[in-house]
Protein backbone atom coordinates (compact mmCIF):
# COMPACT_ATOMS: atom_id res chain seq x y z
CA GLN A 1 31.20 11.45 58.53
CA VAL A 2 30.71 14.21 61.08
CA GLN A 3 30.74 17.94 60.39
CA LEU A 4 31.59 20.51 63.03
CA VAL A 5 31.29 24.28 62.77
CA GLU A 6 32.53 26.55 65.56
CA SER A 7 31.47 30.10 66.33
CA GLY A 8 31.70 32.66 69.12
CA GLY A 9 35.40 33.39 69.38
CA GLY A 10 36.96 36.82 69.53
CA SER A 11 38.90 39.19 71.74
CA VAL A 12 38.15 39.93 75.38
CA GLN A 13 39.80 41.59 78.35
CA GLU A 14 41.25 39.54 81.19
CA GLY A 15 38.48 38.46 83.55
CA GLY A 16 35.87 38.56 80.80
CA SER A 17 33.72 35.81 79.34
CA LEU A 18 33.08 34.21 75.98
CA ARG A 19 30.83 31.38 74.83
CA LEU A 20 31.88 29.14 71.99
CA ALA A 21 29.35 27.09 70.06
CA CYS A 22 29.85 24.02 67.88
CA VAL A 23 27.06 22.88 65.58
CA VAL A 24 27.35 19.17 64.92
CA SER A 25 25.89 17.05 62.14
CA GLY A 26 26.46 13.63 60.65
CA ASP A 27 26.83 10.08 61.92
CA ALA A 28 25.63 10.01 65.53
CA ALA A 29 27.50 6.77 66.25
CA SER A 30 30.80 8.52 65.57
CA ARG A 31 30.26 11.39 68.01
CA GLY A 32 29.42 9.88 71.36
CA CYS A 33 32.20 12.03 72.75
CA MET A 34 32.41 15.75 72.08
CA GLY A 35 35.28 17.93 73.15
CA TRP A 36 36.88 21.33 73.09
CA PHE A 37 40.60 21.57 72.48
CA ARG A 38 42.96 24.48 72.12
CA GLN A 39 46.34 25.11 70.62
CA ALA A 40 48.55 28.10 71.27
CA PRO A 41 51.46 28.99 68.97
CA GLY A 42 54.40 26.65 69.54
CA LYS A 43 52.43 24.37 71.84
CA GLU A 44 50.69 21.03 71.42
CA ARG A 45 46.94 20.77 71.09
CA GLU A 46 45.40 20.15 74.51
CA GLY A 47 42.00 18.87 75.53
CA ILE A 48 40.30 21.22 77.96
CA ALA A 49 36.69 20.04 78.21
CA VAL A 50 35.01 16.89 76.97
CA ILE A 51 31.57 15.38 77.42
CA TYR A 52 30.04 11.94 76.95
CA SER A 53 26.90 13.12 75.28
CA SER A 54 24.30 10.54 76.18
CA GLN A 55 25.09 10.70 79.90
CA ASN A 56 26.18 14.33 80.08
CA ASN A 57 29.39 13.36 81.93
CA ALA A 58 32.09 15.99 81.57
CA ASN A 59 35.84 16.06 82.18
CA TYR A 60 37.98 19.17 82.42
CA ASP A 61 41.66 19.93 82.30
CA ASP A 62 42.92 21.36 85.58
CA SER A 63 43.85 24.61 83.86
CA VAL A 64 40.19 25.45 83.19
CA LYS A 65 38.37 23.61 85.96
CA GLY A 66 35.97 25.94 87.75
CA ARG A 67 36.16 28.56 84.98
CA PHE A 68 34.96 26.76 81.85
CA THR A 69 31.77 24.74 81.39
CA ILE A 70 30.94 22.39 78.55
CA SER A 71 27.27 21.82 77.79
CA GLN A 72 25.04 20.62 75.00
CA ASP A 73 21.68 21.38 73.49
CA ASN A 74 20.57 18.24 71.70
CA ALA A 75 17.59 19.99 70.10
CA LYS A 76 20.01 22.37 68.39
CA SER A 77 22.74 19.75 67.86
CA THR A 78 25.12 22.19 69.49
CA VAL A 79 27.89 21.86 72.05
CA TYR A 80 28.90 24.95 73.99
CA LEU A 81 31.95 26.04 75.92
CA GLN A 82 31.22 28.80 78.42
CA MET A 83 34.49 30.47 79.35
CA ASP A 84 34.54 32.75 82.39
CA SER A 85 37.33 34.50 84.27
CA LEU A 86 39.47 34.40 81.15
CA LYS A 87 43.22 34.82 81.43
CA PRO A 88 45.82 35.84 78.84
CA GLU A 89 47.14 32.27 78.90
CA ASP A 90 43.76 31.10 77.59
CA SER A 91 44.56 32.76 74.27
CA ALA A 92 44.69 30.11 71.57
CA MET A 93 42.93 28.60 68.59
CA TYR A 94 40.00 26.60 69.90
CA TYR A 95 38.72 23.47 68.18
CA CYS A 96 35.59 21.40 68.54
CA ALA A 97 36.06 17.66 68.04
CA ALA A 98 34.03 14.46 67.94
CA GLY A 99 34.97 10.85 68.58
CA ARG A 100 33.51 7.51 69.63
CA ASP A 101 36.06 6.16 72.14
CA TYR A 102 35.31 6.34 75.84
CA TYR A 103 36.16 4.66 79.15
CA TYR A 104 33.92 3.75 82.01
CA VAL A 105 33.98 4.11 85.77
CA GLY A 106 31.32 1.87 87.21
CA VAL A 107 28.18 2.57 85.22
CA ARG A 108 29.31 5.98 84.03
CA ASN A 109 31.04 6.57 80.73
CA PHE A 110 33.60 9.33 80.23
CA CYS A 111 35.54 10.73 77.31
CA PHE A 112 39.27 11.12 76.90
CA THR A 113 40.96 14.51 76.78
CA ASP A 114 43.72 13.21 74.49
CA ALA A 115 43.28 14.41 70.91
CA VAL A 116 44.25 11.00 69.50
CA TYR A 117 40.80 9.68 70.41
CA TYR A 118 38.98 12.20 68.24
CA ASN A 119 38.43 11.63 64.55
CA TYR A 120 36.54 14.73 63.45
CA TRP A 121 37.55 18.34 63.89
CA GLY A 122 36.14 21.77 63.26
CA GLN A 123 38.08 24.48 61.47
CA GLY A 124 39.05 26.24 64.68
CA ILE A 125 38.27 29.66 66.08
CA GLN A 126 40.56 32.23 67.65
CA VAL A 127 40.23 33.40 71.24
CA THR A 128 42.43 36.26 72.41
CA VAL A 129 42.54 37.49 76.00
CA SER A 130 44.37 40.73 76.70
CA SER A 131 45.67 41.93 80.05
């Protein structure tokens, strides 16, 4: 089992920044991949930033590339999502997730951005960006 607890959401003006944190605990073998997902009302859950923890290889959705950064602090068992240059369309419920499935390109391993590959989920945290 893996437990995930998110924090750091809230409301911000367009162009502002927020940092989300996800404290992770439990079976390390089940959380080789960590990811941030979001779901807006009436829309499907989408993967926006994922990281293969042991190699620190990250993938981003095009909608956040260059604005969001996923990182990890292994000493604190925490995964972060730094969100800069926020837009109203970034407003959503944000979820932290953990999974064990990955793919490889040469000697580098990467995680999927599809939610089906993630088995453990946090409770979600709201991010609202106003114009």
